[in-house]
Amino acid sequence: MALQKPRVKVPKSAKKGDTFQIKTMIKHDMESGLRKGKGGKIVPRKIINKFDVTFNGKPVFGMSLEGAVSASPYIAFFHRATESGEFKMTWSEETGESVSATKKITVS
């Protein structure tokens, strides 16, 4: 199953120097490999294990995720407005599959 389109909330604008919150969520089962499915068989492990954010091509936030993270992980973080530009958020699965989303912000 392909990774689904993530939901991302970034303010459209901010004043220079202001701190604002970015909120993200991606629908994913985050299977730990420990749960039994139908018929008593173990459901194979399949998790998103990495989340990276760049702003205008420069890394600004990143984290590793483990099997104990809940399904459909919600990630929120803060950023200080310094210039207008584009955020690129990338969720990577252990399988090597990844999905990205971009959002622009105007700083005045």
PDB file of N, CA and C in Angstrom:
ATOM      1  N   MET A   1       0.832  -1.175   0.000  1.00  0.00           N
ATOM      2  CA  MET A   1       0.000   0.000   0.000  1.00  0.00           C
ATOM      3  C   MET A   1       0.884   1.249   0.000  1.00  0.00           C
ATOM      4  N   ALA A   2       0.605   2.163  -0.894  1.00  0.00           N
ATOM      5  CA  ALA A   2       1.396   3.388  -0.992  1.00  0.00           C
ATOM      6  C   ALA A   2       1.096   4.318   0.181  1.00  0.00           C
ATOM      7  N   LEU A   3       2.072   5.111   0.547  1.00  0.00           N
ATOM      8  CA  LEU A   3       1.867   6.098   1.606  1.00  0.00           C
ATOM      9  C   LEU A   3       0.823   7.110   1.151  1.00  0.00           C
ATOM     10  N   GLN A   4      -0.045   7.485   2.064  1.00  0.00           N
ATOM     11  CA  GLN A   4      -1.105   8.421   1.726  1.00  0.00           C
ATOM     12  C   GLN A   4      -0.619   9.860   1.837  1.00  0.00           C
ATOM     13  N   LYS A   5      -1.373  10.758   1.204  1.00  0.00           N
ATOM     14  CA  LYS A   5      -1.028  12.175   1.230  1.00  0.00           C
ATOM     15  C   LYS A   5      -1.136  12.697   2.662  1.00  0.00           C
ATOM     16  N   PRO A   6      -0.069  13.325   3.176  1.00  0.00           N
ATOM     17  CA  PRO A   6      -0.097  13.854   4.541  1.00  0.00           C
ATOM     18  C   PRO A   6      -0.912  15.146   4.640  1.00  0.00           C
ATOM     19  N   ARG A   7      -1.364  15.438   5.850  1.00  0.00           N
ATOM     20  CA  ARG A   7      -2.028  16.709   6.136  1.00  0.00           C
ATOM     21  C   ARG A   7      -1.008  17.613   6.824  1.00  0.00           C
ATOM     22  N   VAL A   8      -0.892  18.852   6.336  1.00  0.00           N
ATOM     23  CA  VAL A   8       0.103  19.792   6.879  1.00  0.00           C
ATOM     24  C   VAL A   8      -0.553  21.152   7.055  1.00  0.00           C
ATOM     25  N   LYS A   9      -0.303  21.772   8.206  1.00  0.00           N
ATOM     26  CA  LYS A   9      -0.817  23.107   8.488  1.00  0.00           C
ATOM     27  C   LYS A   9       0.351  24.032   8.792  1.00  0.00           C
ATOM     28  N   VAL A  10       0.568  25.000   7.894  1.00  0.00           N
ATOM     29  CA  VAL A  10       1.593  26.039   8.053  1.00  0.00           C
ATOM     30  C   VAL A  10       0.880  27.368   7.835  1.00  0.00           C
ATOM     31  N   PRO A  11       1.111  28.373   8.687  1.00  0.00           N
ATOM     32  CA  PRO A  11       0.472  29.671   8.443  1.00  0.00           C
ATOM     33  C   PRO A  11       0.868  30.220   7.070  1.00  0.00           C
ATOM     34  N   LYS A  12      -0.051  30.919   6.418  1.00  0.00           N
ATOM     35  CA  LYS A  12       0.259  31.493   5.100  1.00  0.00           C
ATOM     36  C   LYS A  12       1.218  32.668   5.220  1.00  0.00           C
ATOM     37  N   SER A  13       1.177  33.351   6.387  1.00  0.00           N
ATOM     38  CA  SER A  13       2.064  34.496   6.584  1.00  0.00           C
ATOM     39  C   SER A  13       2.428  34.632   8.058  1.00  0.00           C
ATOM     40  N   ALA A  14       3.525  35.348   8.299  1.00  0.00           N
ATOM     41  CA  ALA A  14       3.997  35.619   9.657  1.00  0.00           C
ATOM     42  C   ALA A  14       4.863  36.873   9.616  1.00  0.00           C
ATOM     43  N   LYS A  15       4.987  37.516  10.771  1.00  0.00           N
ATOM     44  CA  LYS A  15       5.880  38.665  10.873  1.00  0.00           C
ATOM     45  C   LYS A  15       7.277  38.171  11.197  1.00  0.00           C
ATOM     46  N   LYS A  16       8.273  38.851  10.655  1.00  0.00           N
ATOM     47  CA  LYS A  16       9.664  38.470  10.903  1.00  0.00           C
ATOM     48  C   LYS A  16       9.939  38.452  12.406  1.00  0.00           C
ATOM     49  N   GLY A  17      10.538  37.355  12.865  1.00  0.00           N
ATOM     50  CA  GLY A  17      10.851  37.198  14.273  1.00  0.00           C
ATOM     51  C   GLY A  17       9.804  36.433  15.063  1.00  0.00           C
ATOM     52  N   ASP A  18       8.591  36.316  14.523  1.00  0.00           N
ATOM     53  CA  ASP A  18       7.531  35.568  15.211  1.00  0.00           C
ATOM     54  C   ASP A  18       7.832  34.069  15.193  1.00  0.00           C
ATOM     55  N   THR A  19       7.375  33.394  16.220  1.00  0.00           N
ATOM     56  CA  THR A  19       7.470  31.937  16.282  1.00  0.00           C
ATOM     57  C   THR A  19       6.082  31.380  16.001  1.00  0.00           C
ATOM     58  N   PHE A  20       6.013  30.357  15.173  1.00  0.00           N
ATOM     59  CA  PHE A  20       4.725  29.764  14.806  1.00  0.00           C
ATOM     60  C   PHE A  20       4.839  28.238  14.833  1.00  0.00           C
ATOM     61  N   GLN A  21       3.682  27.600  14.915  1.00  0.00           N
ATOM     62  CA  GLN A  21       3.640  26.143  14.990  1.00  0.00           C
ATOM     63  C   GLN A  21       3.271  25.550  13.637  1.00  0.00           C
ATOM     64  N   ILE A  22       3.941  24.447  13.311  1.00  0.00           N
ATOM     65  CA  ILE A  22       3.635  23.662  12.119  1.00  0.00           C
ATOM     66  C   ILE A  22       3.076  22.334  12.607  1.00  0.00           C
ATOM     67  N   LYS A  23       1.938  21.926  12.045  1.00  0.00           N
ATOM     68  CA  LYS A  23       1.274  20.687  12.455  1.00  0.00           C
ATOM     69  C   LYS A  23       1.186  19.743  11.256  1.00  0.00           C
ATOM     70  N   THR A  24       1.491  18.464  11.501  1.00  0.00           N
ATOM     71  CA  THR A  24       1.430  17.479  10.429  1.00  0.00           C
ATOM     72  C   THR A  24       0.779  16.191  10.932  1.00  0.00           C
ATOM     73  N   MET A  25       0.173  15.469  10.003  1.00  0.00           N
ATOM     74  CA  MET A  25      -0.361  14.153  10.314  1.00  0.00           C
ATOM     75  C   MET A  25      -0.383  13.336   9.021  1.00  0.00           C
ATOM     76  N   ILE A  26      -0.029  12.066   9.151  1.00  0.00           N
ATOM     77  CA  ILE A  26      -0.092  11.172   8.008  1.00  0.00           C
ATOM     78  C   ILE A  26      -0.817   9.900   8.431  1.00  0.00           C
ATOM     79  N   LYS A  27      -1.737   9.460   7.596  1.00  0.00           N
ATOM     80  CA  LYS A  27      -2.478   8.242   7.907  1.00  0.00           C
ATOM     81  C   LYS A  27      -1.590   7.034   7.610  1.00  0.00           C
ATOM     82  N   HIS A  28      -1.340   6.244   8.646  1.00  0.00           N
ATOM     83  CA  HIS A  28      -0.466   5.074   8.507  1.00  0.00           C
ATOM     84  C   HIS A  28      -0.749   4.125   9.664  1.00  0.00           C
ATOM     85  N   ASP A  29      -0.762   2.827   9.409  1.00  0.00           N
ATOM     86  CA  ASP A  29      -1.076   1.844  10.451  1.00  0.00           C
ATOM     87  C   ASP A  29       0.040   1.675  11.477  1.00  0.00           C
ATOM     88  N   MET A  30       1.277   1.962  11.108  1.00  0.00           N
ATOM     89  CA  MET A  30       2.431   1.833  12.008  1.00  0.00           C
ATOM     90  C   MET A  30       2.456   0.442  12.664  1.00  0.00           C
ATOM     91  N   GLU A  31       2.486  -0.575  11.851  1.00  0.00           N
ATOM     92  CA  GLU A  31       2.484  -1.964  12.345  1.00  0.00           C
ATOM     93  C   GLU A  31       3.830  -2.300  12.974  1.00  0.00           C
ATOM     94  N   SER A  32       3.806  -2.732  14.227  1.00  0.00           N
ATOM     95  CA  SER A  32       5.028  -3.009  14.982  1.00  0.00           C
ATOM     96  C   SER A  32       5.630  -4.379  14.671  1.00  0.00           C
ATOM     97  N   GLY A  33       4.855  -5.261  14.056  1.00  0.00           N
ATOM     98  CA  GLY A  33       5.324  -6.614  13.812  1.00  0.00           C
ATOM     99  C   GLY A  33       5.062  -7.542  14.989  1.00  0.00           C
ATOM    100  N   LEU A  34       4.343  -7.054  15.982  1.00  0.00           N
ATOM    101  CA  LEU A  34       4.048  -7.845  17.182  1.00  0.00           C
ATOM    102  C   LEU A  34       2.575  -8.238  17.276  1.00  0.00           C
ATOM    103  N   ARG A  35       1.739  -7.644  16.451  1.00  0.00           N
ATOM    104  CA  ARG A  35       0.297  -7.872  16.521  1.00  0.00           C
ATOM    105  C   ARG A  35      -0.109  -9.038  15.625  1.00  0.00           C
ATOM    106  N   LYS A  36      -1.096  -9.793  16.087  1.00  0.00           N
ATOM    107  CA  LYS A  36      -1.653 -10.880  15.276  1.00  0.00           C
ATOM    108  C   LYS A  36      -2.865 -10.359  14.527  1.00  0.00           C
ATOM    109  N   GLY A  37      -2.949 -10.728  13.260  1.00  0.00           N
ATOM    110  CA  GLY A  37      -4.071 -10.320  12.432  1.00  0.00           C
ATOM    111  C   GLY A  37      -5.078 -11.447  12.312  1.00  0.00           C
ATOM    112  N   LYS A  38      -5.844 -11.403  11.257  1.00  0.00           N
ATOM    113  CA  LYS A  38      -6.847 -12.441  11.002  1.00  0.00           C
ATOM    114  C   LYS A  38      -6.158 -13.790  10.857  1.00  0.00           C
ATOM    115  N   GLY A  39      -6.758 -14.802  11.408  1.00  0.00           N
ATOM    116  CA  GLY A  39      -6.194 -16.138  11.306  1.00  0.00           C
ATOM    117  C   GLY A  39      -5.038 -16.385  12.247  1.00  0.00           C
ATOM    118  N   GLY A  40      -4.728 -15.424  13.129  1.00  0.00           N
ATOM    119  CA  GLY A  40      -3.670 -15.607  14.108  1.00  0.00           C
ATOM    120  C   GLY A  40      -2.259 -15.405  13.587  1.00  0.00           C
ATOM    121  N   LYS A  41      -2.136 -14.958  12.344  1.00  0.00           N
ATOM    122  CA  LYS A  41      -0.799 -14.721  11.789  1.00  0.00           C
ATOM    123  C   LYS A  41      -0.286 -13.344  12.209  1.00  0.00           C
ATOM    124  N   ILE A  42       1.015 -13.259  12.417  1.00  0.00           N
ATOM    125  CA  ILE A  42       1.659 -11.992  12.791  1.00  0.00           C
ATOM    126  C   ILE A  42       1.590 -11.022  11.600  1.00  0.00           C
ATOM    127  N   VAL A  43       1.169  -9.793  11.882  1.00  0.00           N
ATOM    128  CA  VAL A  43       1.149  -8.747  10.857  1.00  0.00           C
ATOM    129  C   VAL A  43       2.573  -8.224  10.727  1.00  0.00           C
ATOM    130  N   PRO A  44       3.150  -8.248   9.519  1.00  0.00           N
ATOM    131  CA  PRO A  44       4.548  -7.822   9.348  1.00  0.00           C
ATOM    132  C   PRO A  44       4.786  -6.373   9.783  1.00  0.00           C
ATOM    133  N   ARG A  45       5.979  -6.108  10.292  1.00  0.00           N
ATOM    134  CA  ARG A  45       6.376  -4.769  10.721  1.00  0.00           C
ATOM    135  C   ARG A  45       6.424  -3.842   9.512  1.00  0.00           C
ATOM    136  N   LYS A  46       5.818  -2.669   9.657  1.00  0.00           N
ATOM    137  CA  LYS A  46       5.842  -1.659   8.609  1.00  0.00           C
ATOM    138  C   LYS A  46       5.558  -0.319   9.274  1.00  0.00           C
ATOM    139  N   ILE A  47       6.615   0.484   9.478  1.00  0.00           N
ATOM    140  CA  ILE A  47       6.458   1.770  10.157  1.00  0.00           C
ATOM    141  C   ILE A  47       7.128   2.896   9.382  1.00  0.00           C
ATOM    142  N   ILE A  48       6.647   4.101   9.632  1.00  0.00           N
ATOM    143  CA  ILE A  48       7.366   5.291   9.184  1.00  0.00           C
ATOM    144  C   ILE A  48       8.463   5.487  10.211  1.00  0.00           C
ATOM    145  N   ASN A  49       9.705   5.503   9.761  1.00  0.00           N
ATOM    146  CA  ASN A  49      10.803   5.578  10.718  1.00  0.00           C
ATOM    147  C   ASN A  49      11.582   6.888  10.670  1.00  0.00           C
ATOM    148  N   LYS A  50      11.196   7.803   9.756  1.00  0.00           N
ATOM    149  CA  LYS A  50      11.947   9.052   9.662  1.00  0.00           C
ATOM    150  C   LYS A  50      11.033  10.170   9.164  1.00  0.00           C
ATOM    151  N   PHE A  51      11.207  11.351   9.762  1.00  0.00           N
ATOM    152  CA  PHE A  51      10.485  12.550   9.353  1.00  0.00           C
ATOM    153  C   PHE A  51      11.496  13.684   9.272  1.00  0.00           C
ATOM    154  N   ASP A  52      11.599  14.312   8.108  1.00  0.00           N
ATOM    155  CA  ASP A  52      12.562  15.392   7.892  1.00  0.00           C
ATOM    156  C   ASP A  52      11.867  16.617   7.322  1.00  0.00           C
ATOM    157  N   VAL A  53      12.336  17.791   7.732  1.00  0.00           N
ATOM    158  CA  VAL A  53      11.787  19.056   7.241  1.00  0.00           C
ATOM    159  C   VAL A  53      12.928  19.955   6.791  1.00  0.00           C
ATOM    160  N   THR A  54      12.758  20.531   5.606  1.00  0.00           N
ATOM    161  CA  THR A  54      13.700  21.546   5.130  1.00  0.00           C
ATOM    162  C   THR A  54      12.931  22.839   4.896  1.00  0.00           C
ATOM    163  N   PHE A  55      13.636  23.965   5.010  1.00  0.00           N
ATOM    164  CA  PHE A  55      13.073  25.271   4.670  1.00  0.00           C
ATOM    165  C   PHE A  55      14.029  25.918   3.690  1.00  0.00           C
ATOM    166  N   ASN A  56      13.530  26.194   2.495  1.00  0.00           N
ATOM    167  CA  ASN A  56      14.364  26.726   1.408  1.00  0.00           C
ATOM    168  C   ASN A  56      15.595  25.848   1.185  1.00  0.00           C
ATOM    169  N   GLY A  57      15.398  24.528   1.296  1.00  0.00           N
ATOM    170  CA  GLY A  57      16.460  23.572   1.013  1.00  0.00           C
ATOM    171  C   GLY A  57      17.399  23.276   2.169  1.00  0.00           C
ATOM    172  N   LYS A  58      17.240  23.957   3.298  1.00  0.00           N
ATOM    173  CA  LYS A  58      18.117  23.741   4.460  1.00  0.00           C
ATOM    174  C   LYS A  58      17.366  22.963   5.546  1.00  0.00           C
ATOM    175  N   PRO A  59      18.011  21.950   6.150  1.00  0.00           N
ATOM    176  CA  PRO A  59      17.326  21.182   7.204  1.00  0.00           C
ATOM    177  C   PRO A  59      16.998  22.055   8.413  1.00  0.00           C
ATOM    178  N   VAL A  60      15.742  21.940   8.893  1.00  0.00           N
ATOM    179  CA  VAL A  60      15.333  22.708  10.073  1.00  0.00           C
ATOM    180  C   VAL A  60      14.747  21.829  11.182  1.00  0.00           C
ATOM    181  N   PHE A  61      14.333  20.606  10.850  1.00  0.00           N
ATOM    182  CA  PHE A  61      13.752  19.714  11.844  1.00  0.00           C
ATOM    183  C   PHE A  61      13.819  18.287  11.315  1.00  0.00           C
ATOM    184  N   GLY A  62      14.020  17.347  12.228  1.00  0.00           N
ATOM    185  CA  GLY A  62      14.016  15.942  11.838  1.00  0.00           C
ATOM    186  C   GLY A  62      13.845  15.068  13.063  1.00  0.00           C
ATOM    187  N   MET A  63      13.321  13.885  12.847  1.00  0.00           N
ATOM    188  CA  MET A  63      13.167  12.951  13.959  1.00  0.00           C
ATOM    189  C   MET A  63      13.080  11.526  13.444  1.00  0.00           C
ATOM    190  N   SER A  64      13.481  10.599  14.316  1.00  0.00           N
ATOM    191  CA  SER A  64      13.344   9.174  14.041  1.00  0.00           C
ATOM    192  C   SER A  64      12.133   8.677  14.804  1.00  0.00           C
ATOM    193  N   LEU A  65      11.373   7.782  14.189  1.00  0.00           N
ATOM    194  CA  LEU A  65      10.209   7.199  14.834  1.00  0.00           C
ATOM    195  C   LEU A  65      10.459   5.714  15.029  1.00  0.00           C
ATOM    196  N   GLU A  66       9.878   5.156  16.076  1.00  0.00           N
ATOM    197  CA  GLU A  66      10.047   3.747  16.413  1.00  0.00           C
ATOM    198  C   GLU A  66       8.700   3.039  16.394  1.00  0.00           C
ATOM    199  N   GLY A  67       8.727   1.746  16.618  1.00  0.00           N
ATOM    200  CA  GLY A  67       7.521   0.928  16.576  1.00  0.00           C
ATOM    201  C   GLY A  67       6.476   1.282  17.610  1.00  0.00           C
ATOM    202  N   ALA A  68       6.848   1.980  18.676  1.00  0.00           N
ATOM    203  CA  ALA A  68       5.897   2.332  19.731  1.00  0.00           C
ATOM    204  C   ALA A  68       5.076   3.575  19.395  1.00  0.00           C
ATOM    205  N   VAL A  69       5.324   4.210  18.261  1.00  0.00           N
ATOM    206  CA  VAL A  69       4.570   5.397  17.855  1.00  0.00           C
ATOM    207  C   VAL A  69       3.186   4.950  17.377  1.00  0.00           C
ATOM    208  N   SER A  70       2.170   5.695  17.764  1.00  0.00           N
ATOM    209  CA  SER A  70       0.798   5.326  17.423  1.00  0.00           C
ATOM    210  C   SER A  70       0.536   5.414  15.922  1.00  0.00           C
ATOM    211  N   ALA A  71      -0.542   4.782  15.518  1.00  0.00           N
ATOM    212  CA  ALA A  71      -0.969   4.848  14.118  1.00  0.00           C
ATOM    213  C   ALA A  71      -1.286   6.302  13.764  1.00  0.00           C
ATOM    214  N   SER A  72      -1.138   6.637  12.495  1.00  0.00           N
ATOM    215  CA  SER A  72      -1.390   7.988  11.989  1.00  0.00           C
ATOM    216  C   SER A  72      -0.691   9.049  12.832  1.00  0.00           C
ATOM    217  N   PRO A  73       0.648   9.028  12.839  1.00  0.00           N
ATOM    218  CA  PRO A  73       1.384   9.944  13.714  1.00  0.00           C
ATOM    219  C   PRO A  73       1.118  11.421  13.425  1.00  0.00           C
ATOM    220  N   TYR A  74       0.899  12.149  14.526  1.00  0.00           N
ATOM    221  CA  TYR A  74       0.713  13.591  14.502  1.00  0.00           C
ATOM    222  C   TYR A  74       2.013  14.197  15.020  1.00  0.00           C
ATOM    223  N   ILE A  75       2.603  15.090  14.241  1.00  0.00           N
ATOM    224  CA  ILE A  75       3.861  15.724  14.638  1.00  0.00           C
ATOM    225  C   ILE A  75       3.666  17.234  14.550  1.00  0.00           C
ATOM    226  N   ALA A  76       4.027  17.940  15.618  1.00  0.00           N
ATOM    227  CA  ALA A  76       3.957  19.403  15.632  1.00  0.00           C
ATOM    228  C   ALA A  76       5.287  19.941  16.145  1.00  0.00           C
ATOM    229  N   PHE A  77       5.710  21.066  15.582  1.00  0.00           N
ATOM    230  CA  PHE A  77       6.957  21.699  16.011  1.00  0.00           C
ATOM    231  C   PHE A  77       6.871  23.192  15.733  1.00  0.00           C
ATOM    232  N   PHE A  78       7.784  23.947  16.331  1.00  0.00           N
ATOM    233  CA  PHE A  78       7.800  25.400  16.180  1.00  0.00           C
ATOM    234  C   PHE A  78       8.962  25.841  15.289  1.00  0.00           C
ATOM    235  N   HIS A  79       8.760  26.980  14.627  1.00  0.00           N
ATOM    236  CA  HIS A  79       9.794  27.562  13.759  1.00  0.00           C
ATOM    237  C   HIS A  79       9.707  29.086  13.882  1.00  0.00           C
ATOM    238  N   ARG A  80      10.857  29.735  13.808  1.00  0.00           N
ATOM    239  CA  ARG A  80      10.899  31.199  13.874  1.00  0.00           C
ATOM    240  C   ARG A  80      10.931  31.763  12.447  1.00  0.00           C
ATOM    241  N   ALA A  81      10.070  32.738  12.190  1.00  0.00           N
ATOM    242  CA  ALA A  81       9.985  33.362  10.866  1.00  0.00           C
ATOM    243  C   ALA A  81      11.190  34.269  10.634  1.00  0.00           C
ATOM    244  N   THR A  82      11.980  33.943   9.609  1.00  0.00           N
ATOM    245  CA  THR A  82      13.140  34.775   9.267  1.00  0.00           C
ATOM    246  C   THR A  82      13.058  35.306   7.842  1.00  0.00           C
ATOM    247  N   GLU A  83      12.434  34.516   6.957  1.00  0.00           N
ATOM    248  CA  GLU A  83      12.306  34.914   5.559  1.00  0.00           C
ATOM    249  C   GLU A  83      11.173  34.123   4.919  1.00  0.00           C
ATOM    250  N   SER A  84      10.671  34.626   3.795  1.00  0.00           N
ATOM    251  CA  SER A  84       9.647  33.909   3.045  1.00  0.00           C
ATOM    252  C   SER A  84      10.273  32.690   2.393  1.00  0.00           C
ATOM    253  N   GLY A  85       9.490  31.661   2.203  1.00  0.00           N
ATOM    254  CA  GLY A  85      10.037  30.485   1.548  1.00  0.00           C
ATOM    255  C   GLY A  85       9.105  29.289   1.599  1.00  0.00           C
ATOM    256  N   GLU A  86       9.709  28.118   1.397  1.00  0.00           N
ATOM    257  CA  GLU A  86       8.933  26.889   1.286  1.00  0.00           C
ATOM    258  C   GLU A  86       9.458  25.808   2.224  1.00  0.00           C
ATOM    259  N   PHE A  87       8.545  25.210   2.973  1.00  0.00           N
ATOM    260  CA  PHE A  87       8.855  24.051   3.804  1.00  0.00           C
ATOM    261  C   PHE A  87       8.612  22.796   2.972  1.00  0.00           C
ATOM    262  N   LYS A  88       9.505  21.832   3.110  1.00  0.00           N
ATOM    263  CA  LYS A  88       9.300  20.525   2.501  1.00  0.00           C
ATOM    264  C   LYS A  88       9.415  19.486   3.610  1.00  0.00           C
ATOM    265  N   MET A  89       8.333  18.742   3.809  1.00  0.00           N
ATOM    266  CA  MET A  89       8.286  17.704   4.833  1.00  0.00           C
ATOM    267  C   MET A  89       8.280  16.347   4.166  1.00  0.00           C
ATOM    268  N   THR A  90       9.138  15.435   4.649  1.00  0.00           N
ATOM    269  CA  THR A  90       9.246  14.102   4.051  1.00  0.00           C
ATOM    270  C   THR A  90       9.108  13.035   5.129  1.00  0.00           C
ATOM    271  N   TRP A  91       8.177  12.120   4.902  1.00  0.00           N
ATOM    272  CA  TRP A  91       7.976  10.957   5.763  1.00  0.00           C
ATOM    273  C   TRP A  91       8.567   9.756   5.036  1.00  0.00           C
ATOM    274  N   SER A  92       9.431   8.985   5.690  1.00  0.00           N
ATOM    275  CA  SER A  92      10.079   7.828   5.069  1.00  0.00           C
ATOM    276  C   SER A  92       9.724   6.561   5.837  1.00  0.00           C
ATOM    277  N   GLU A  93       9.390   5.532   5.073  1.00  0.00           N
ATOM    278  CA  GLU A  93       9.039   4.244   5.649  1.00  0.00           C
ATOM    279  C   GLU A  93      10.252   3.326   5.627  1.00  0.00           C
ATOM    280  N   GLU A  94      10.271   2.332   6.503  1.00  0.00           N
ATOM    281  CA  GLU A  94      11.374   1.361   6.542  1.00  0.00           C
ATOM    282  C   GLU A  94      11.587   0.664   5.202  1.00  0.00           C
ATOM    283  N   THR A  95      10.532   0.551   4.421  1.00  0.00           N
ATOM    284  CA  THR A  95      10.603  -0.139   3.131  1.00  0.00           C
ATOM    285  C   THR A  95      11.376   0.663   2.083  1.00  0.00           C
ATOM    286  N   GLY A  96      11.657   1.940   2.402  1.00  0.00           N
ATOM    287  CA  GLY A  96      12.339   2.819   1.446  1.00  0.00           C
ATOM    288  C   GLY A  96      11.375   3.755   0.745  1.00  0.00           C
ATOM    289  N   GLU A  97      10.093   3.503   0.896  1.00  0.00           N
ATOM    290  CA  GLU A  97       9.085   4.367   0.293  1.00  0.00           C
ATOM    291  C   GLU A  97       8.997   5.671   1.077  1.00  0.00           C
ATOM    292  N   SER A  98       8.723   6.768   0.389  1.00  0.00           N
ATOM    293  CA  SER A  98       8.568   8.050   1.082  1.00  0.00           C
ATOM    294  C   SER A  98       7.525   8.902   0.376  1.00  0.00           C
ATOM    295  N   VAL A  99       7.026   9.895   1.105  1.00  0.00           N
ATOM    296  CA  VAL A  99       6.075  10.849   0.550  1.00  0.00           C
ATOM    297  C   VAL A  99       6.438  12.217   1.110  1.00  0.00           C
ATOM    298  N   SER A 100       6.265  13.254   0.292  1.00  0.00           N
ATOM    299  CA  SER A 100       6.609  14.612   0.715  1.00  0.00           C
ATOM    300  C   SER A 100       5.432  15.553   0.506  1.00  0.00           C
ATOM    301  N   ALA A 101       5.441  16.635   1.263  1.00  0.00           N
ATOM    302  CA  ALA A 101       4.462  17.706   1.102  1.00  0.00           C
ATOM    303  C   ALA A 101       5.204  19.026   1.235  1.00  0.00           C
ATOM    304  N   THR A 102       4.759  20.032   0.497  1.00  0.00           N
ATOM    305  CA  THR A 102       5.379  21.354   0.572  1.00  0.00           C
ATOM    306  C   THR A 102       4.332  22.401   0.925  1.00  0.00           C
ATOM    307  N   LYS A 103       4.765  23.402   1.672  1.00  0.00           N
ATOM    308  CA  LYS A 103       3.907  24.532   2.032  1.00  0.00           C
ATOM    309  C   LYS A 103       4.753  25.795   2.032  1.00  0.00           C
ATOM    310  N   LYS A 104       4.180  26.875   1.511  1.00  0.00           N
ATOM    311  CA  LYS A 104       4.885  28.161   1.464  1.00  0.00           C
ATOM    312  C   LYS A 104       4.395  29.083   2.577  1.00  0.00           C
ATOM    313  N   ILE A 105       5.294  29.982   2.995  1.00  0.00           N
ATOM    314  CA  ILE A 105       4.957  31.008   3.968  1.00  0.00           C
ATOM    315  C   ILE A 105       5.560  32.333   3.509  1.00  0.00           C
ATOM    316  N   THR A 106       4.810  33.416   3.727  1.00  0.00           N
ATOM    317  CA  THR A 106       5.287  34.761   3.405  1.00  0.00           C
ATOM    318  C   THR A 106       5.603  35.482   4.706  1.00  0.00           C
ATOM    319  N   VAL A 107       6.826  35.978   4.816  1.00  0.00           N
ATOM    320  CA  VAL A 107       7.266  36.681   6.019  1.00  0.00           C
ATOM    321  C   VAL A 107       7.402  38.169   5.690  1.00  0.00           C
ATOM    322  N   SER A 108       6.784  38.997   6.536  1.00  0.00           N
ATOM    323  CA  SER A 108       6.846  40.449   6.293  1.00  0.00           C
ATOM    324  C   SER A 108       7.551  41.168   7.442  1.00  0.00           C
TER     325      SER A 108
END
